[in-house]
């Protein structure tokens, strides 16, 4: 089942939607985008509160 994660759902003014067939694929896509476009660091992305927000924003298609 495909999964998506939209930047807008995390409060970013961005139209990007990460996609993946598995949560691992989805998170890799989202992390790459967050680092390259929004300047997030590994530390910020691994923050427990951030991970909670990210997991809550994942949608299954």
PDB file of N, CA and C in Angstrom:
ATOM      1  N   UNK A   1       0.850  -1.177   0.000  1.00  0.00           N
ATOM      2  CA  UNK A   1       0.000   0.000   0.000  1.00  0.00           C
ATOM      3  C   UNK A   1       0.895   1.240   0.000  1.00  0.00           C
ATOM      4  N   UNK A   2       0.665   2.136  -0.926  1.00  0.00           N
ATOM      5  CA  UNK A   2       1.457   3.363  -1.023  1.00  0.00           C
ATOM      6  C   UNK A   2       1.162   4.284   0.160  1.00  0.00           C
ATOM      7  N   UNK A   3       2.190   5.018   0.565  1.00  0.00           N
ATOM      8  CA  UNK A   3       2.059   5.980   1.655  1.00  0.00           C
ATOM      9  C   UNK A   3       2.564   7.330   1.183  1.00  0.00           C
ATOM     10  N   UNK A   4       1.984   8.393   1.751  1.00  0.00           N
ATOM     11  CA  UNK A   4       2.419   9.744   1.417  1.00  0.00           C
ATOM     12  C   UNK A   4       2.618  10.560   2.689  1.00  0.00           C
ATOM     13  N   UNK A   5       3.431  11.596   2.553  1.00  0.00           N
ATOM     14  CA  UNK A   5       3.684  12.534   3.643  1.00  0.00           C
ATOM     15  C   UNK A   5       3.865  13.907   3.009  1.00  0.00           C
ATOM     16  N   UNK A   6       2.939  14.816   3.276  1.00  0.00           N
ATOM     17  CA  UNK A   6       2.967  16.156   2.681  1.00  0.00           C
ATOM     18  C   UNK A   6       3.642  17.150   3.622  1.00  0.00           C
ATOM     19  N   UNK A   7       4.537  17.953   3.076  1.00  0.00           N
ATOM     20  CA  UNK A   7       5.194  18.996   3.871  1.00  0.00           C
ATOM     21  C   UNK A   7       4.162  19.909   4.538  1.00  0.00           C
ATOM     22  N   UNK A   8       3.124  20.255   3.794  1.00  0.00           N
ATOM     23  CA  UNK A   8       2.092  21.152   4.332  1.00  0.00           C
ATOM     24  C   UNK A   8       1.473  20.601   5.615  1.00  0.00           C
ATOM     25  N   UNK A   9       1.354  19.273   5.707  1.00  0.00           N
ATOM     26  CA  UNK A   9       0.766  18.657   6.899  1.00  0.00           C
ATOM     27  C   UNK A   9       1.670  18.773   8.120  1.00  0.00           C
ATOM     28  N   UNK A  10       2.917  19.186   7.887  1.00  0.00           N
ATOM     29  CA  UNK A  10       3.860  19.389   8.985  1.00  0.00           C
ATOM     30  C   UNK A  10       4.129  20.873   9.221  1.00  0.00           C
ATOM     31  N   UNK A  11       3.318  21.727   8.598  1.00  0.00           N
ATOM     32  CA  UNK A  11       3.426  23.161   8.838  1.00  0.00           C
ATOM     33  C   UNK A  11       4.365  23.906   7.910  1.00  0.00           C
ATOM     34  N   UNK A  12       4.911  23.229   6.912  1.00  0.00           N
ATOM     35  CA  UNK A  12       5.811  23.891   5.964  1.00  0.00           C
ATOM     36  C   UNK A  12       5.003  24.496   4.817  1.00  0.00           C
ATOM     37  N   UNK A  13       5.454  25.642   4.318  1.00  0.00           N
ATOM     38  CA  UNK A  13       4.823  26.268   3.154  1.00  0.00           C
ATOM     39  C   UNK A  13       5.480  25.666   1.913  1.00  0.00           C
ATOM     40  N   UNK A  14       5.112  24.426   1.617  1.00  0.00           N
ATOM     41  CA  UNK A  14       5.768  23.652   0.571  1.00  0.00           C
ATOM     42  C   UNK A  14       4.753  22.668   0.008  1.00  0.00           C
ATOM     43  N   UNK A  15       4.785  22.482  -1.292  1.00  0.00           N
ATOM     44  CA  UNK A  15       3.827  21.590  -1.950  1.00  0.00           C
ATOM     45  C   UNK A  15       4.356  20.169  -2.126  1.00  0.00           C
ATOM     46  N   UNK A  16       5.558  19.880  -1.628  1.00  0.00           N
ATOM     47  CA  UNK A  16       6.151  18.561  -1.834  1.00  0.00           C
ATOM     48  C   UNK A  16       5.388  17.479  -1.073  1.00  0.00           C
ATOM     49  N   UNK A  17       5.238  16.335  -1.723  1.00  0.00           N
ATOM     50  CA  UNK A  17       4.624  15.169  -1.091  1.00  0.00           C
ATOM     51  C   UNK A  17       5.584  13.994  -1.275  1.00  0.00           C
ATOM     52  N   UNK A  18       6.119  13.497  -0.168  1.00  0.00           N
ATOM     53  CA  UNK A  18       6.990  12.322  -0.208  1.00  0.00           C
ATOM     54  C   UNK A  18       6.122  11.090  -0.405  1.00  0.00           C
ATOM     55  N   UNK A  19       6.675  10.104  -1.109  1.00  0.00           N
ATOM     56  CA  UNK A  19       5.915   8.878  -1.396  1.00  0.00           C
ATOM     57  C   UNK A  19       6.793   7.654  -1.190  1.00  0.00           C
ATOM     58  N   UNK A  20       6.144   6.551  -0.849  1.00  0.00           N
ATOM     59  CA  UNK A  20       6.854   5.287  -0.723  1.00  0.00           C
ATOM     60  C   UNK A  20       5.884   4.135  -0.599  1.00  0.00           C
ATOM     61  N   UNK A  21       6.332   2.967  -1.005  1.00  0.00           N
ATOM     62  CA  UNK A  21       5.514   1.758  -0.869  1.00  0.00           C
ATOM     63  C   UNK A  21       5.601   1.209   0.549  1.00  0.00           C
ATOM     64  N   UNK A  22       6.706   1.524   1.231  1.00  0.00           N
ATOM     65  CA  UNK A  22       6.890   1.109   2.620  1.00  0.00           C
ATOM     66  C   UNK A  22       7.206   2.348   3.448  1.00  0.00           C
ATOM     67  N   UNK A  23       7.086   2.229   4.765  1.00  0.00           N
ATOM     68  CA  UNK A  23       7.422   3.363   5.623  1.00  0.00           C
ATOM     69  C   UNK A  23       8.901   3.717   5.472  1.00  0.00           C
ATOM     70  N   UNK A  24       9.744   2.714   5.280  1.00  0.00           N
ATOM     71  CA  UNK A  24      11.176   2.957   5.100  1.00  0.00           C
ATOM     72  C   UNK A  24      11.435   3.794   3.844  1.00  0.00           C
ATOM     73  N   UNK A  25      10.802   3.439   2.731  1.00  0.00           N
ATOM     74  CA  UNK A  25      10.948   4.205   1.482  1.00  0.00           C
ATOM     75  C   UNK A  25      10.417   5.623   1.659  1.00  0.00           C
ATOM     76  N   UNK A  26       9.269   5.740   2.289  1.00  0.00           N
ATOM     77  CA  UNK A  26       8.655   7.051   2.513  1.00  0.00           C
ATOM     78  C   UNK A  26       9.568   7.939   3.346  1.00  0.00           C
ATOM     79  N   UNK A  27      10.093   7.398   4.441  1.00  0.00           N
ATOM     80  CA  UNK A  27      10.941   8.189   5.325  1.00  0.00           C
ATOM     81  C   UNK A  27      12.238   8.596   4.632  1.00  0.00           C
ATOM     82  N   UNK A  28      12.798   7.734   3.804  1.00  0.00           N
ATOM     83  CA  UNK A  28      14.022   8.081   3.073  1.00  0.00           C
ATOM     84  C   UNK A  28      13.755   9.252   2.132  1.00  0.00           C
ATOM     85  N   UNK A  29      12.639   9.208   1.428  1.00  0.00           N
ATOM     86  CA  UNK A  29      12.262  10.289   0.510  1.00  0.00           C
ATOM     87  C   UNK A  29      12.035  11.584   1.289  1.00  0.00           C
ATOM     88  N   UNK A  30      11.291  11.499   2.379  1.00  0.00           N
ATOM     89  CA  UNK A  30      10.974  12.686   3.181  1.00  0.00           C
ATOM     90  C   UNK A  30      12.231  13.289   3.808  1.00  0.00           C
ATOM     91  N   UNK A  31      13.111  12.451   4.342  1.00  0.00           N
ATOM     92  CA  UNK A  31      14.340  12.949   4.967  1.00  0.00           C
ATOM     93  C   UNK A  31      15.236  13.638   3.946  1.00  0.00           C
ATOM     94  N   UNK A  32      15.367  13.043   2.774  1.00  0.00           N
ATOM     95  CA  UNK A  32      16.197  13.648   1.715  1.00  0.00           C
ATOM     96  C   UNK A  32      15.665  15.035   1.364  1.00  0.00           C
ATOM     97  N   UNK A  33      14.359  15.148   1.177  1.00  0.00           N
ATOM     98  CA  UNK A  33      13.739  16.430   0.849  1.00  0.00           C
ATOM     99  C   UNK A  33      13.924  17.435   1.993  1.00  0.00           C
ATOM    100  N   UNK A  34      13.662  16.998   3.213  1.00  0.00           N
ATOM    101  CA  UNK A  34      13.762  17.897   4.371  1.00  0.00           C
ATOM    102  C   UNK A  34      15.171  18.469   4.520  1.00  0.00           C
ATOM    103  N   UNK A  35      16.172  17.653   4.267  1.00  0.00           N
ATOM    104  CA  UNK A  35      17.561  18.112   4.374  1.00  0.00           C
ATOM    105  C   UNK A  35      17.935  19.047   3.227  1.00  0.00           C
ATOM    106  N   UNK A  36      17.627  18.624   1.994  1.00  0.00           N
ATOM    107  CA  UNK A  36      18.057  19.380   0.814  1.00  0.00           C
ATOM    108  C   UNK A  36      17.295  20.680   0.618  1.00  0.00           C
ATOM    109  N   UNK A  37      16.004  20.682   0.892  1.00  0.00           N
ATOM    110  CA  UNK A  37      15.180  21.855   0.599  1.00  0.00           C
ATOM    111  C   UNK A  37      14.967  22.737   1.830  1.00  0.00           C
ATOM    112  N   UNK A  38      14.756  22.111   2.984  1.00  0.00           N
ATOM    113  CA  UNK A  38      14.411  22.878   4.179  1.00  0.00           C
ATOM    114  C   UNK A  38      15.572  23.040   5.160  1.00  0.00           C
ATOM    115  N   UNK A  39      16.699  22.380   4.892  1.00  0.00           N
ATOM    116  CA  UNK A  39      17.884  22.546   5.723  1.00  0.00           C
ATOM    117  C   UNK A  39      17.832  21.853   7.076  1.00  0.00           C
ATOM    118  N   UNK A  40      16.975  20.853   7.226  1.00  0.00           N
ATOM    119  CA  UNK A  40      16.909  20.121   8.487  1.00  0.00           C
ATOM    120  C   UNK A  40      18.177  19.293   8.673  1.00  0.00           C
ATOM    121  N   UNK A  41      18.566  19.103   9.921  1.00  0.00           N
ATOM    122  CA  UNK A  41      19.716  18.265  10.258  1.00  0.00           C
ATOM    123  C   UNK A  41      19.215  16.890  10.703  1.00  0.00           C
ATOM    124  N   UNK A  42      20.138  15.916  10.750  1.00  0.00           N
ATOM    125  CA  UNK A  42      19.777  14.585  11.253  1.00  0.00           C
ATOM    126  C   UNK A  42      19.224  14.687  12.668  1.00  0.00           C
ATOM    127  N   UNK A  43      19.856  15.517  13.488  1.00  0.00           N
ATOM    128  CA  UNK A  43      19.415  15.679  14.877  1.00  0.00           C
ATOM    129  C   UNK A  43      17.972  16.173  14.936  1.00  0.00           C
ATOM    130  N   UNK A  44      17.642  17.163  14.127  1.00  0.00           N
ATOM    131  CA  UNK A  44      16.270  17.684  14.108  1.00  0.00           C
ATOM    132  C   UNK A  44      15.283  16.627  13.632  1.00  0.00           C
ATOM    133  N   UNK A  45      15.668  15.864  12.623  1.00  0.00           N
ATOM    134  CA  UNK A  45      14.766  14.866  12.057  1.00  0.00           C
ATOM    135  C   UNK A  45      14.561  13.672  12.984  1.00  0.00           C
ATOM    136  N   UNK A  46      15.509  13.386  13.842  1.00  0.00           N
ATOM    137  CA  UNK A  46      15.400  12.247  14.763  1.00  0.00           C
ATOM    138  C   UNK A  46      14.790  12.638  16.114  1.00  0.00           C
ATOM    139  N   UNK A  47      14.482  13.915  16.291  1.00  0.00           N
ATOM    140  CA  UNK A  47      13.874  14.382  17.536  1.00  0.00           C
ATOM    141  C   UNK A  47      12.564  13.619  17.775  1.00  0.00           C
ATOM    142  N   UNK A  48      12.355  13.081  18.977  1.00  0.00           N
ATOM    143  CA  UNK A  48      11.145  12.293  19.247  1.00  0.00           C
ATOM    144  C   UNK A  48       9.841  13.041  18.958  1.00  0.00           C
ATOM    145  N   UNK A  49       9.793  14.318  19.266  1.00  0.00           N
ATOM    146  CA  UNK A  49       8.572  15.096  19.000  1.00  0.00           C
ATOM    147  C   UNK A  49       8.342  15.237  17.494  1.00  0.00           C
ATOM    148  N   UNK A  50       9.411  15.463  16.745  1.00  0.00           N
ATOM    149  CA  UNK A  50       9.298  15.557  15.286  1.00  0.00           C
ATOM    150  C   UNK A  50       8.839  14.221  14.714  1.00  0.00           C
ATOM    151  N   UNK A  51       9.413  13.126  15.191  1.00  0.00           N
ATOM    152  CA  UNK A  51       9.025  11.801  14.699  1.00  0.00           C
ATOM    153  C   UNK A  51       7.549  11.520  14.981  1.00  0.00           C
ATOM    154  N   UNK A  52       7.063  11.964  16.123  1.00  0.00           N
ATOM    155  CA  UNK A  52       5.652  11.777  16.468  1.00  0.00           C
ATOM    156  C   UNK A  52       4.765  12.540  15.480  1.00  0.00           C
ATOM    157  N   UNK A  53       5.148  13.780  15.164  1.00  0.00           N
ATOM    158  CA  UNK A  53       4.386  14.594  14.207  1.00  0.00           C
ATOM    159  C   UNK A  53       4.410  13.972  12.814  1.00  0.00           C
ATOM    160  N   UNK A  54       5.581  13.492  12.414  1.00  0.00           N
ATOM    161  CA  UNK A  54       5.728  12.886  11.090  1.00  0.00           C
ATOM    162  C   UNK A  54       4.857  11.636  10.982  1.00  0.00           C
ATOM    163  N   UNK A  55       4.947  10.754  11.955  1.00  0.00           N
ATOM    164  CA  UNK A  55       4.167   9.506  11.910  1.00  0.00           C
ATOM    165  C   UNK A  55       2.670   9.793  11.873  1.00  0.00           C
ATOM    166  N   UNK A  56       2.233  10.830  12.591  1.00  0.00           N
ATOM    167  CA  UNK A  56       0.808  11.186  12.610  1.00  0.00           C
ATOM    168  C   UNK A  56       0.345  11.744  11.264  1.00  0.00           C
ATOM    169  N   UNK A  57       1.271  12.301  10.482  1.00  0.00           N
ATOM    170  CA  UNK A  57       0.911  12.930   9.205  1.00  0.00           C
ATOM    171  C   UNK A  57       0.963  11.964   8.016  1.00  0.00           C
ATOM    172  N   UNK A  58       1.444  10.753   8.223  1.00  0.00           N
ATOM    173  CA  UNK A  58       1.527   9.772   7.128  1.00  0.00           C
ATOM    174  C   UNK A  58       0.124   9.331   6.730  1.00  0.00           C
ATOM    175  N   UNK A  59      -0.106   9.325   5.427  1.00  0.00           N
ATOM    176  CA  UNK A  59      -1.403   8.881   4.890  1.00  0.00           C
ATOM    177  C   UNK A  59      -1.178   7.642   4.034  1.00  0.00           C
ATOM    178  N   UNK A  60      -2.087   6.698   4.146  1.00  0.00           N
ATOM    179  CA  UNK A  60      -2.029   5.486   3.324  1.00  0.00           C
ATOM    180  C   UNK A  60      -3.030   5.621   2.198  1.00  0.00           C
ATOM    181  N   UNK A  61      -2.586   5.272   0.992  1.00  0.00           N
ATOM    182  CA  UNK A  61      -3.459   5.394  -0.182  1.00  0.00           C
ATOM    183  C   UNK A  61      -4.071   4.058  -0.551  1.00  0.00           C
TER     184      UNK A  61
END
